[in-house]
Every structure is written in structure tokens, then in C-alpha cells.
mmCIF file of all heavy atoms, coordinates in Angstrom:
data_MODEL
# 
_entry.id   MODEL 
# 
loop_
_atom_site.group_PDB 
_atom_site.id 
_atom_site.type_symbol 
_atom_site.label_atom_id 
_atom_site.label_alt_id 
_atom_site.label_comp_id 
_atom_site.label_asym_id 
_atom_site.label_entity_id 
_atom_site.label_seq_id 
_atom_site.pdbx_PDB_ins_code 
_atom_site.Cartn_x 
_atom_site.Cartn_y 
_atom_site.Cartn_z 
_atom_site.occupancy 
_atom_site.B_iso_or_equiv 
_atom_site.pdbx_formal_charge 
_atom_site.auth_seq_id 
_atom_site.auth_comp_id 
_atom_site.auth_asym_id 
_atom_site.auth_atom_id 
_atom_site.pdbx_PDB_model_num 
ATOM 1   N N   . ALA A 1 1  ? 9.050  9.084  -1.863 1.00 0.00 ? 1  ALA A N   1 
ATOM 2   C CA  . ALA A 1 1  ? 8.952  9.788  -0.614 1.00 0.00 ? 1  ALA A CA  1 
ATOM 3   C C   . ALA A 1 1  ? 10.293 9.745  0.095  1.00 0.00 ? 1  ALA A C   1 
ATOM 4   O O   . ALA A 1 1  ? 10.833 8.680  0.393  1.00 0.00 ? 1  ALA A O   1 
ATOM 5   C CB  . ALA A 1 1  ? 7.897  9.160  0.288  1.00 0.00 ? 1  ALA A CB  1 
ATOM 6   N N   . ALA A 1 2  ? 10.883 10.910 0.268  1.00 0.00 ? 2  ALA A N   1 
ATOM 7   C CA  . ALA A 1 2  ? 12.264 10.975 0.975  1.00 0.00 ? 2  ALA A CA  1 
ATOM 8   C C   . ALA A 1 2  ? 12.103 10.837 2.452  1.00 0.00 ? 2  ALA A C   1 
ATOM 9   O O   . ALA A 1 2  ? 13.010 10.267 3.099  1.00 0.00 ? 2  ALA A O   1 
ATOM 10  C CB  . ALA A 1 2  ? 12.859 12.311 0.637  1.00 0.00 ? 2  ALA A CB  1 
ATOM 11  N N   . SER A 1 3  ? 11.038 11.337 3.030  1.00 0.00 ? 3  SER A N   1 
ATOM 12  C CA  . SER A 1 3  ? 10.851 11.212 4.487  1.00 0.00 ? 3  SER A CA  1 
ATOM 13  C C   . SER A 1 3  ? 9.404  11.596 4.834  1.00 0.00 ? 3  SER A C   1 
ATOM 14  O O   . SER A 1 3  ? 8.652  12.006 3.957  1.00 0.00 ? 3  SER A O   1 
ATOM 15  C CB  . SER A 1 3  ? 11.802 12.179 5.199  1.00 0.00 ? 3  SER A CB  1 
ATOM 16  O OG  . SER A 1 3  ? 11.560 13.474 4.835  1.00 0.00 ? 3  SER A OG  1 
ATOM 17  N N   . GLY A 1 4  ? 9.072  11.452 6.158  1.00 0.00 ? 4  GLY A N   1 
ATOM 18  C CA  . GLY A 1 4  ? 7.755  12.042 6.663  1.00 0.00 ? 4  GLY A CA  1 
ATOM 19  C C   . GLY A 1 4  ? 6.641  11.040 6.606  1.00 0.00 ? 4  GLY A C   1 
ATOM 20  O O   . GLY A 1 4  ? 6.721  9.911  6.120  1.00 0.00 ? 4  GLY A O   1 
ATOM 21  N N   . SER A 1 5  ? 5.425  11.538 6.959  1.00 0.00 ? 5  SER A N   1 
ATOM 22  C CA  . SER A 1 5  ? 4.221  10.780 7.096  1.00 0.00 ? 5  SER A CA  1 
ATOM 23  C C   . SER A 1 5  ? 3.047  11.629 6.711  1.00 0.00 ? 5  SER A C   1 
ATOM 24  O O   . SER A 1 5  ? 3.276  12.774 6.384  1.00 0.00 ? 5  SER A O   1 
ATOM 25  C CB  . SER A 1 5  ? 4.103  10.289 8.531  1.00 0.00 ? 5  SER A CB  1 
ATOM 26  O OG  . SER A 1 5  ? 4.000  11.398 9.405  1.00 0.00 ? 5  SER A OG  1 
ATOM 27  N N   . ALA A 1 6  ? 1.829  11.078 6.811  1.00 0.00 ? 6  ALA A N   1 
ATOM 28  C CA  . ALA A 1 6  ? 0.588  11.809 6.445  1.00 0.00 ? 6  ALA A CA  1 
ATOM 29  C C   . ALA A 1 6  ? 0.477  13.080 7.377  1.00 0.00 ? 6  ALA A C   1 
ATOM 30  O O   . ALA A 1 6  ? 0.184  14.210 6.988  1.00 0.00 ? 6  ALA A O   1 
ATOM 31  C CB  . ALA A 1 6  ? -0.556 10.940 6.599  1.00 0.00 ? 6  ALA A CB  1 
ATOM 32  N N   . GLY A 1 7  ? 0.664  12.777 8.726  1.00 0.00 ? 7  GLY A N   1 
ATOM 33  C CA  . GLY A 1 7  ? 0.600  13.930 9.665  1.00 0.00 ? 7  GLY A CA  1 
ATOM 34  C C   . GLY A 1 7  ? 1.676  14.964 9.408  1.00 0.00 ? 7  GLY A C   1 
ATOM 35  O O   . GLY A 1 7  ? 1.365  16.177 9.459  1.00 0.00 ? 7  GLY A O   1 
ATOM 36  N N   . GLY A 1 8  ? 2.845  14.494 9.065  1.00 0.00 ? 8  GLY A N   1 
ATOM 37  C CA  . GLY A 1 8  ? 3.917  15.508 8.775  1.00 0.00 ? 8  GLY A CA  1 
ATOM 38  C C   . GLY A 1 8  ? 3.562  16.318 7.527  1.00 0.00 ? 8  GLY A C   1 
ATOM 39  O O   . GLY A 1 8  ? 3.875  17.490 7.495  1.00 0.00 ? 8  GLY A O   1 
ATOM 40  N N   . ALA A 1 9  ? 2.984  15.648 6.544  1.00 0.00 ? 9  ALA A N   1 
ATOM 41  C CA  . ALA A 1 9  ? 2.631  16.427 5.284  1.00 0.00 ? 9  ALA A CA  1 
ATOM 42  C C   . ALA A 1 9  ? 1.522  17.453 5.554  1.00 0.00 ? 9  ALA A C   1 
ATOM 43  O O   . ALA A 1 9  ? 1.665  18.621 5.027  1.00 0.00 ? 9  ALA A O   1 
ATOM 44  C CB  . ALA A 1 9  ? 2.135  15.432 4.210  1.00 0.00 ? 9  ALA A CB  1 
ATOM 45  N N   . LEU A 1 10 ? 0.569  17.098 6.421  1.00 0.00 ? 10 LEU A N   1 
ATOM 46  C CA  . LEU A 1 10 ? -0.521 18.107 6.725  1.00 0.00 ? 10 LEU A CA  1 
ATOM 47  C C   . LEU A 1 10 ? 0.029  19.258 7.498  1.00 0.00 ? 10 LEU A C   1 
ATOM 48  O O   . LEU A 1 10 ? -0.303 20.416 7.244  1.00 0.00 ? 10 LEU A O   1 
ATOM 49  C CB  . LEU A 1 10 ? -1.643 17.365 7.424  1.00 0.00 ? 10 LEU A CB  1 
ATOM 50  C CG  . LEU A 1 10 ? -2.330 16.305 6.611  1.00 0.00 ? 10 LEU A CG  1 
ATOM 51  C CD1 . LEU A 1 10 ? -3.429 15.624 7.412  1.00 0.00 ? 10 LEU A CD1 1 
ATOM 52  C CD2 . LEU A 1 10 ? -2.961 16.949 5.346  1.00 0.00 ? 10 LEU A CD2 1 
ATOM 53  N N   . LEU A 1 11 ? 0.826  18.942 8.474  1.00 0.00 ? 11 LEU A N   1 
ATOM 54  C CA  . LEU A 1 11 ? 1.488  20.014 9.299  1.00 0.00 ? 11 LEU A CA  1 
ATOM 55  C C   . LEU A 1 11 ? 2.381  20.921 8.453  1.00 0.00 ? 11 LEU A C   1 
ATOM 56  O O   . LEU A 1 11 ? 2.371  22.184 8.619  1.00 0.00 ? 11 LEU A O   1 
ATOM 57  C CB  . LEU A 1 11 ? 2.320  19.401 10.444 1.00 0.00 ? 11 LEU A CB  1 
ATOM 58  C CG  . LEU A 1 11 ? 2.944  20.333 11.457 1.00 0.00 ? 11 LEU A CG  1 
ATOM 59  C CD1 . LEU A 1 11 ? 1.849  21.131 12.166 1.00 0.00 ? 11 LEU A CD1 1 
ATOM 60  C CD2 . LEU A 1 11 ? 3.816  19.627 12.449 1.00 0.00 ? 11 LEU A CD2 1 
ATOM 61  N N   . SER A 1 12 ? 3.129  20.348 7.548  1.00 0.00 ? 12 SER A N   1 
ATOM 62  C CA  . SER A 1 12 ? 3.961  21.091 6.638  1.00 0.00 ? 12 SER A CA  1 
ATOM 63  C C   . SER A 1 12 ? 3.161  21.987 5.739  1.00 0.00 ? 12 SER A C   1 
ATOM 64  O O   . SER A 1 12 ? 3.563  23.158 5.535  1.00 0.00 ? 12 SER A O   1 
ATOM 65  C CB  . SER A 1 12 ? 4.789  20.087 5.798  1.00 0.00 ? 12 SER A CB  1 
ATOM 66  O OG  . SER A 1 12 ? 5.742  20.832 4.989  1.00 0.00 ? 12 SER A OG  1 
ATOM 67  N N   . ALA A 1 13 ? 2.024  21.543 5.283  1.00 0.00 ? 13 ALA A N   1 
ATOM 68  C CA  . ALA A 1 13 ? 1.122  22.347 4.456  1.00 0.00 ? 13 ALA A CA  1 
ATOM 69  C C   . ALA A 1 13 ? 0.598  23.549 5.263  1.00 0.00 ? 13 ALA A C   1 
ATOM 70  O O   . ALA A 1 13 ? 0.504  24.638 4.755  1.00 0.00 ? 13 ALA A O   1 
ATOM 71  C CB  . ALA A 1 13 ? -0.085 21.519 3.959  1.00 0.00 ? 13 ALA A CB  1 
ATOM 72  N N   . LEU A 1 14 ? 0.256  23.294 6.521  1.00 0.00 ? 14 LEU A N   1 
ATOM 73  C CA  . LEU A 1 14 ? -0.238 24.414 7.383  1.00 0.00 ? 14 LEU A CA  1 
ATOM 74  C C   . LEU A 1 14 ? 0.811  25.421 7.571  1.00 0.00 ? 14 LEU A C   1 
ATOM 75  O O   . LEU A 1 14 ? 0.561  26.633 7.427  1.00 0.00 ? 14 LEU A O   1 
ATOM 76  C CB  . LEU A 1 14 ? -0.617 23.804 8.729  1.00 0.00 ? 14 LEU A CB  1 
ATOM 77  C CG  . LEU A 1 14 ? -1.094 24.842 9.815  1.00 0.00 ? 14 LEU A CG  1 
ATOM 78  C CD1 . LEU A 1 14 ? -2.357 25.528 9.351  1.00 0.00 ? 14 LEU A CD1 1 
ATOM 79  C CD2 . LEU A 1 14 ? -1.301 24.139 11.121 1.00 0.00 ? 14 LEU A CD2 1 
ATOM 80  N N   . VAL A 1 15 ? 2.037  24.960 7.867  1.00 0.00 ? 15 VAL A N   1 
ATOM 81  C CA  . VAL A 1 15 ? 3.170  25.940 8.053  1.00 0.00 ? 15 VAL A CA  1 
ATOM 82  C C   . VAL A 1 15 ? 3.484  26.729 6.812  1.00 0.00 ? 15 VAL A C   1 
ATOM 83  O O   . VAL A 1 15 ? 3.755  27.920 6.800  1.00 0.00 ? 15 VAL A O   1 
ATOM 84  C CB  . VAL A 1 15 ? 4.374  25.203 8.544  1.00 0.00 ? 15 VAL A CB  1 
ATOM 85  C CG1 . VAL A 1 15 ? 5.649  26.072 8.618  1.00 0.00 ? 15 VAL A CG1 1 
ATOM 86  C CG2 . VAL A 1 15 ? 4.130  24.603 9.999  1.00 0.00 ? 15 VAL A CG2 1 
ATOM 87  N N   . TYR A 1 16 ? 3.453  26.002 5.627  1.00 0.00 ? 16 TYR A N   1 
ATOM 88  C CA  . TYR A 1 16 ? 3.755  26.549 4.394  1.00 0.00 ? 16 TYR A CA  1 
ATOM 89  C C   . TYR A 1 16 ? 2.730  27.652 3.974  1.00 0.00 ? 16 TYR A C   1 
ATOM 90  O O   . TYR A 1 16 ? 3.172  28.783 3.576  1.00 0.00 ? 16 TYR A O   1 
ATOM 91  C CB  . TYR A 1 16 ? 3.737  25.529 3.238  1.00 0.00 ? 16 TYR A CB  1 
ATOM 92  C CG  . TYR A 1 16 ? 3.983  26.047 1.894  1.00 0.00 ? 16 TYR A CG  1 
ATOM 93  C CD1 . TYR A 1 16 ? 5.291  26.369 1.457  1.00 0.00 ? 16 TYR A CD1 1 
ATOM 94  C CD2 . TYR A 1 16 ? 3.006  26.293 1.006  1.00 0.00 ? 16 TYR A CD2 1 
ATOM 95  C CE1 . TYR A 1 16 ? 5.592  26.827 0.195  1.00 0.00 ? 16 TYR A CE1 1 
ATOM 96  C CE2 . TYR A 1 16 ? 3.223  26.851 -0.294 1.00 0.00 ? 16 TYR A CE2 1 
ATOM 97  C CZ  . TYR A 1 16 ? 4.484  27.072 -0.649 1.00 0.00 ? 16 TYR A CZ  1 
ATOM 98  O OH  . TYR A 1 16 ? 4.761  27.627 -1.903 1.00 0.00 ? 16 TYR A OH  1 
ATOM 99  N N   . ALA A 1 17 ? 1.488  27.338 4.150  1.00 0.00 ? 17 ALA A N   1 
ATOM 100 C CA  . ALA A 1 17 ? 0.448  28.352 3.827  1.00 0.00 ? 17 ALA A CA  1 
ATOM 101 C C   . ALA A 1 17 ? 0.521  29.553 4.758  1.00 0.00 ? 17 ALA A C   1 
ATOM 102 O O   . ALA A 1 17 ? 0.433  30.719 4.255  1.00 0.00 ? 17 ALA A O   1 
ATOM 103 C CB  . ALA A 1 17 ? -0.957 27.711 3.919  1.00 0.00 ? 17 ALA A CB  1 
ATOM 104 N N   . ALA A 1 18 ? 0.739  29.287 6.004  1.00 0.00 ? 18 ALA A N   1 
ATOM 105 C CA  . ALA A 1 18 ? 0.866  30.355 6.950  1.00 0.00 ? 18 ALA A CA  1 
ATOM 106 C C   . ALA A 1 18 ? 2.080  31.269 6.647  1.00 0.00 ? 18 ALA A C   1 
ATOM 107 O O   . ALA A 1 18 ? 1.991  32.490 6.700  1.00 0.00 ? 18 ALA A O   1 
ATOM 108 C CB  . ALA A 1 18 ? 0.971  29.825 8.441  1.00 0.00 ? 18 ALA A CB  1 
ATOM 109 N N   . MET A 1 19 ? 3.199  30.653 6.365  1.00 0.00 ? 19 MET A N   1 
ATOM 110 C CA  . MET A 1 19 ? 4.365  31.443 5.974  1.00 0.00 ? 19 MET A CA  1 
ATOM 111 C C   . MET A 1 19 ? 4.164  32.356 4.773  1.00 0.00 ? 19 MET A C   1 
ATOM 112 O O   . MET A 1 19 ? 4.433  33.528 4.851  1.00 0.00 ? 19 MET A O   1 
ATOM 113 C CB  . MET A 1 19 ? 5.581  30.428 5.700  1.00 0.00 ? 19 MET A CB  1 
ATOM 114 C CG  . MET A 1 19 ? 6.862  31.112 5.185  1.00 0.00 ? 19 MET A CG  1 
ATOM 115 S SD  . MET A 1 19 ? 7.973  30.001 4.469  1.00 0.00 ? 19 MET A SD  1 
ATOM 116 C CE  . MET A 1 19 ? 7.187  29.578 2.915  1.00 0.00 ? 19 MET A CE  1 
ATOM 117 N N   . ASN A 1 20 ? 3.588  31.810 3.749  1.00 0.00 ? 20 ASN A N   1 
ATOM 118 C CA  . ASN A 1 20 ? 3.423  32.610 2.541  1.00 0.00 ? 20 ASN A CA  1 
ATOM 119 C C   . ASN A 1 20 ? 2.343  33.682 2.636  1.00 0.00 ? 20 ASN A C   1 
ATOM 120 O O   . ASN A 1 20 ? 2.597  34.783 2.157  1.00 0.00 ? 20 ASN A O   1 
ATOM 121 C CB  . ASN A 1 20 ? 3.129  31.665 1.337  1.00 0.00 ? 20 ASN A CB  1 
ATOM 122 C CG  . ASN A 1 20 ? 4.408  30.972 0.789  1.00 0.00 ? 20 ASN A CG  1 
ATOM 123 O OD1 . ASN A 1 20 ? 5.245  31.664 0.182  1.00 0.00 ? 20 ASN A OD1 1 
ATOM 124 N ND2 . ASN A 1 20 ? 4.553  29.737 1.054  1.00 0.00 ? 20 ASN A ND2 1 
ATOM 125 N N   . VAL A 1 21 ? 1.252  33.382 3.293  1.00 0.00 ? 21 VAL A N   1 
ATOM 126 C CA  . VAL A 1 21 ? 0.220  34.372 3.520  1.00 0.00 ? 21 VAL A CA  1 
ATOM 127 C C   . VAL A 1 21 ? 0.749  35.458 4.447  1.00 0.00 ? 21 VAL A C   1 
ATOM 128 O O   . VAL A 1 21 ? 0.526  36.641 4.315  1.00 0.00 ? 21 VAL A O   1 
ATOM 129 C CB  . VAL A 1 21 ? -1.118 33.749 3.994  1.00 0.00 ? 21 VAL A CB  1 
ATOM 130 C CG1 . VAL A 1 21 ? -2.155 34.855 4.222  1.00 0.00 ? 21 VAL A CG1 1 
ATOM 131 C CG2 . VAL A 1 21 ? -1.585 32.767 2.961  1.00 0.00 ? 21 VAL A CG2 1 
ATOM 132 N N   . GLY A 1 22 ? 1.415  34.935 5.563  1.00 0.00 ? 22 GLY A N   1 
ATOM 133 C CA  . GLY A 1 22 ? 1.963  35.893 6.492  1.00 0.00 ? 22 GLY A CA  1 
ATOM 134 C C   . GLY A 1 22 ? 2.978  36.817 5.859  1.00 0.00 ? 22 GLY A C   1 
ATOM 135 O O   . GLY A 1 22 ? 3.001  38.055 6.165  1.00 0.00 ? 22 GLY A O   1 
ATOM 136 N N   . LEU A 1 23 ? 3.784  36.373 4.978  1.00 0.00 ? 23 LEU A N   1 
ATOM 137 C CA  . LEU A 1 23 ? 4.772  37.177 4.264  1.00 0.00 ? 23 LEU A CA  1 
ATOM 138 C C   . LEU A 1 23 ? 4.122  38.056 3.159  1.00 0.00 ? 23 LEU A C   1 
ATOM 139 O O   . LEU A 1 23 ? 4.821  38.987 2.721  1.00 0.00 ? 23 LEU A O   1 
ATOM 140 C CB  . LEU A 1 23 ? 5.826  36.309 3.666  1.00 0.00 ? 23 LEU A CB  1 
ATOM 141 C CG  . LEU A 1 23 ? 6.794  35.574 4.653  1.00 0.00 ? 23 LEU A CG  1 
ATOM 142 C CD1 . LEU A 1 23 ? 7.638  34.575 3.904  1.00 0.00 ? 23 LEU A CD1 1 
ATOM 143 C CD2 . LEU A 1 23 ? 7.603  36.562 5.381  1.00 0.00 ? 23 LEU A CD2 1 
ATOM 144 N N   . SER A 1 24 ? 2.862  37.790 2.923  1.00 0.00 ? 24 SER A N   1 
ATOM 145 C CA  . SER A 1 24 ? 2.137  38.616 1.898  1.00 0.00 ? 24 SER A CA  1 
ATOM 146 C C   . SER A 1 24 ? 1.320  39.723 2.627  1.00 0.00 ? 24 SER A C   1 
ATOM 147 O O   . SER A 1 24 ? 0.621  40.494 1.963  1.00 0.00 ? 24 SER A O   1 
ATOM 148 C CB  . SER A 1 24 ? 1.280  37.696 1.084  1.00 0.00 ? 24 SER A CB  1 
ATOM 149 O OG  . SER A 1 24 ? 1.953  36.714 0.381  1.00 0.00 ? 24 SER A OG  1 
ATOM 150 N N   . ILE A 1 25 ? 1.355  39.712 3.908  1.00 0.00 ? 25 ILE A N   1 
ATOM 151 C CA  . ILE A 1 25 ? 0.549  40.776 4.671  1.00 0.00 ? 25 ILE A CA  1 
ATOM 152 C C   . ILE A 1 25 ? 0.856  42.157 4.190  1.00 0.00 ? 25 ILE A C   1 
ATOM 153 O O   . ILE A 1 25 ? -0.001 43.026 4.004  1.00 0.00 ? 25 ILE A O   1 
ATOM 154 C CB  . ILE A 1 25 ? 0.862  40.660 6.151  1.00 0.00 ? 25 ILE A CB  1 
ATOM 155 C CG1 . ILE A 1 25 ? 0.162  39.431 6.759  1.00 0.00 ? 25 ILE A CG1 1 
ATOM 156 C CG2 . ILE A 1 25 ? 0.367  41.907 6.940  1.00 0.00 ? 25 ILE A CG2 1 
ATOM 157 C CD1 . ILE A 1 25 ? 0.435  39.176 8.249  1.00 0.00 ? 25 ILE A CD1 1 
# 
């Protein structure tokens, strides 16, 4: 683990999924 926490990982997953689905609109 380079950095971050459990909360950071879940927030990152939310942003990642939103970014990719949003860019697939």
C-alpha cells in the first residue's frame, strides 16, 4: 500500500466508476 485508507479506497472507487461511466455516456 503506497498511501490511503479504507475510506479513501471506497471514495476512489466511486469516483473511478463515475468517471468511466460518465465518459461512456
